[in-house]
Amino acid sequence: IKISEEKFDEAEREFYNALRFGITTANNMVVINISLAQICMYKEEYEKANVYLDEAKRIPHNPNLDNILLELEDKLERLQRQELLPEHCKPSILV
């Protein structure tokens, strides 16, 4: 809900807390890490985004999430090379 309201700092806190205290299934952990990476990319916090993507890849998950991970990795690389503006990486709702 916070993402749809563009309250990205609050959304980031809630997703982080979900990882620490509530999420137990691997796929949900991957989706939360993806969401955190998206928020960090939008906020131009590329190192943090990379950490979340790496964590998402490390967790065994449904192969259907692989395309999302690959797409976000590509966007992150383009952001770091300044070939893409952060506004084009506005977080989307996955959960």
C-alpha atoms as a PDB file:
ATOM      1  CA  ILE A   1       0.000   0.000   0.000  1.00  0.00           C
ATOM      2  CA  LYS A   2       2.799   2.415   0.845  1.00  0.00           C
ATOM      3  CA  ILE A   3       4.322   1.964  -2.614  1.00  0.00           C
ATOM      4  CA  SER A   4       1.052   2.827  -4.328  1.00  0.00           C
ATOM      5  CA  GLU A   5       0.914   5.950  -2.158  1.00  0.00           C
ATOM      6  CA  GLU A   6       4.557   6.728  -3.037  1.00  0.00           C
ATOM      7  CA  LYS A   7       5.619   6.604   0.610  1.00  0.00           C
ATOM      8  CA  PHE A   8       8.848   4.833  -0.221  1.00  0.00           C
ATOM      9  CA  ASP A   9      10.679   5.376   3.079  1.00  0.00           C
ATOM     10  CA  GLU A  10       7.744   3.879   5.001  1.00  0.00           C
ATOM     11  CA  ALA A  11       7.432   1.033   2.518  1.00  0.00           C
ATOM     12  CA  GLU A  12      11.134   0.275   2.844  1.00  0.00           C
ATOM     13  CA  ARG A  13      10.828   0.110   6.655  1.00  0.00           C
ATOM     14  CA  GLU A  14       7.787  -2.156   6.467  1.00  0.00           C
ATOM     15  CA  PHE A  15       9.406  -4.513   3.952  1.00  0.00           C
ATOM     16  CA  TYR A  16      12.586  -4.645   6.026  1.00  0.00           C
ATOM     17  CA  ASN A  17      10.597  -5.431   9.170  1.00  0.00           C
ATOM     18  CA  ALA A  18       8.680  -8.125   7.288  1.00  0.00           C
ATOM     19  CA  LEU A  19      11.993  -9.777   6.414  1.00  0.00           C
ATOM     20  CA  ARG A  20      13.196  -9.614  10.006  1.00  0.00           C
ATOM     21  CA  PHE A  21      10.024 -10.573  11.822  1.00  0.00           C
ATOM     22  CA  GLY A  22       7.303 -12.002   9.645  1.00  0.00           C
ATOM     23  CA  ILE A  23       8.104 -13.515   6.277  1.00  0.00           C
ATOM     24  CA  THR A  24       8.890 -17.205   6.404  1.00  0.00           C
ATOM     25  CA  THR A  25       8.506 -18.624   2.892  1.00  0.00           C
ATOM     26  CA  ALA A  26      11.404 -18.409   0.477  1.00  0.00           C
ATOM     27  CA  ASN A  27       9.352 -16.954  -2.377  1.00  0.00           C
ATOM     28  CA  ASN A  28       7.985 -14.217  -0.129  1.00  0.00           C
ATOM     29  CA  MET A  29      11.505 -13.410   1.044  1.00  0.00           C
ATOM     30  CA  VAL A  30      12.594 -13.073  -2.582  1.00  0.00           C
ATOM     31  CA  VAL A  31       9.649 -10.819  -3.434  1.00  0.00           C
ATOM     32  CA  ILE A  32      10.376  -8.606  -0.423  1.00  0.00           C
ATOM     33  CA  ASN A  33      14.050  -8.342  -1.410  1.00  0.00           C
ATOM     34  CA  ILE A  34      12.993  -7.452  -4.954  1.00  0.00           C
ATOM     35  CA  SER A  35      10.676  -4.766  -3.609  1.00  0.00           C
ATOM     36  CA  LEU A  36      13.431  -3.351  -1.403  1.00  0.00           C
ATOM     37  CA  ALA A  37      15.807  -3.312  -4.389  1.00  0.00           C
ATOM     38  CA  GLN A  38      13.232  -1.416  -6.456  1.00  0.00           C
ATOM     39  CA  ILE A  39      12.806   1.199  -3.742  1.00  0.00           C
ATOM     40  CA  CYS A  40      16.570   1.626  -3.402  1.00  0.00           C
ATOM     41  CA  MET A  41      16.985   1.966  -7.160  1.00  0.00           C
ATOM     42  CA  TYR A  42      14.356   4.699  -7.245  1.00  0.00           C
ATOM     43  CA  LYS A  43      16.057   6.458  -4.321  1.00  0.00           C
ATOM     44  CA  GLU A  44      19.446   6.157  -6.114  1.00  0.00           C
ATOM     45  CA  GLU A  45      20.842   3.890  -3.389  1.00  0.00           C
ATOM     46  CA  TYR A  46      22.444   1.519  -5.852  1.00  0.00           C
ATOM     47  CA  GLU A  47      24.746  -0.353  -3.473  1.00  0.00           C
ATOM     48  CA  LYS A  48      21.825  -1.239  -1.223  1.00  0.00           C
ATOM     49  CA  ALA A  49      19.769  -2.255  -4.255  1.00  0.00           C
ATOM     50  CA  ASN A  50      22.543  -4.596  -5.328  1.00  0.00           C
ATOM     51  CA  VAL A  51      22.677  -6.190  -1.870  1.00  0.00           C
ATOM     52  CA  TYR A  52      18.931  -6.881  -1.970  1.00  0.00           C
ATOM     53  CA  LEU A  53      19.128  -8.330  -5.492  1.00  0.00           C
ATOM     54  CA  ASP A  54      22.049 -10.549  -4.513  1.00  0.00           C
ATOM     55  CA  GLU A  55      20.096 -11.790  -1.500  1.00  0.00           C
ATOM     56  CA  ALA A  56      17.026 -12.467  -3.650  1.00  0.00           C
ATOM     57  CA  LYS A  57      19.140 -14.525  -6.084  1.00  0.00           C
ATOM     58  CA  ARG A  58      20.752 -16.474  -3.241  1.00  0.00           C
ATOM     59  CA  ILE A  59      17.437 -17.708  -1.832  1.00  0.00           C
ATOM     60  CA  PRO A  60      15.966 -20.785  -3.578  1.00  0.00           C
ATOM     61  CA  HIS A  61      12.822 -19.526  -5.310  1.00  0.00           C
ATOM     62  CA  ASN A  62      10.197 -20.083  -7.954  1.00  0.00           C
ATOM     63  CA  PRO A  63      11.859 -19.810 -11.407  1.00  0.00           C
ATOM     64  CA  ASN A  64       9.083 -17.426 -12.459  1.00  0.00           C
ATOM     65  CA  LEU A  65      10.856 -14.745 -10.422  1.00  0.00           C
ATOM     66  CA  ASP A  66      14.077 -15.096 -12.424  1.00  0.00           C
ATOM     67  CA  ASN A  67      12.875 -12.815 -15.233  1.00  0.00           C
ATOM     68  CA  ILE A  68      12.074 -10.076 -12.735  1.00  0.00           C
ATOM     69  CA  LEU A  69      15.509 -10.446 -11.160  1.00  0.00           C
ATOM     70  CA  LEU A  70      17.246 -10.286 -14.537  1.00  0.00           C
ATOM     71  CA  GLU A  71      15.259  -7.230 -15.563  1.00  0.00           C
ATOM     72  CA  LEU A  72      16.084  -5.419 -12.330  1.00  0.00           C
ATOM     73  CA  GLU A  73      19.770  -6.301 -12.590  1.00  0.00           C
ATOM     74  CA  ASP A  74      19.788  -4.833 -16.096  1.00  0.00           C
ATOM     75  CA  LYS A  75      18.036  -1.668 -14.907  1.00  0.00           C
ATOM     76  CA  LEU A  76      20.466  -1.315 -12.012  1.00  0.00           C
ATOM     77  CA  GLU A  77      23.457  -1.583 -14.347  1.00  0.00           C
ATOM     78  CA  ARG A  78      21.908   1.027 -16.656  1.00  0.00           C
ATOM     79  CA  LEU A  79      21.235   3.329 -13.710  1.00  0.00           C
ATOM     80  CA  GLN A  80      24.823   3.026 -12.524  1.00  0.00           C
ATOM     81  CA  ARG A  81      26.071   3.860 -16.026  1.00  0.00           C
ATOM     82  CA  GLN A  82      23.607   6.777 -16.090  1.00  0.00           C
ATOM     83  CA  GLU A  83      21.883   5.357 -19.162  1.00  0.00           C
ATOM     84  CA  LEU A  84      18.571   5.331 -17.328  1.00  0.00           C
ATOM     85  CA  LEU A  85      16.958   7.841 -14.985  1.00  0.00           C
ATOM     86  CA  PRO A  86      15.698   6.720 -11.567  1.00  0.00           C
ATOM     87  CA  GLU A  87      12.249   8.055 -12.467  1.00  0.00           C
ATOM     88  CA  HIS A  88      12.029   5.198 -14.980  1.00  0.00           C
ATOM     89  CA  CYS A  89      12.454   2.693 -12.154  1.00  0.00           C
ATOM     90  CA  LYS A  90       9.498   3.663 -10.044  1.00  0.00           C
ATOM     91  CA  PRO A  91       8.759   0.720  -7.737  1.00  0.00           C
ATOM     92  CA  SER A  92       5.838  -1.483  -8.670  1.00  0.00           C
ATOM     93  CA  ILE A  93       3.714  -3.563  -6.373  1.00  0.00           C
ATOM     94  CA  LEU A  94       4.685  -7.240  -6.369  1.00  0.00           C
ATOM     95  CA  VAL A  95       2.967  -8.348  -3.168  1.00  0.00           C
END
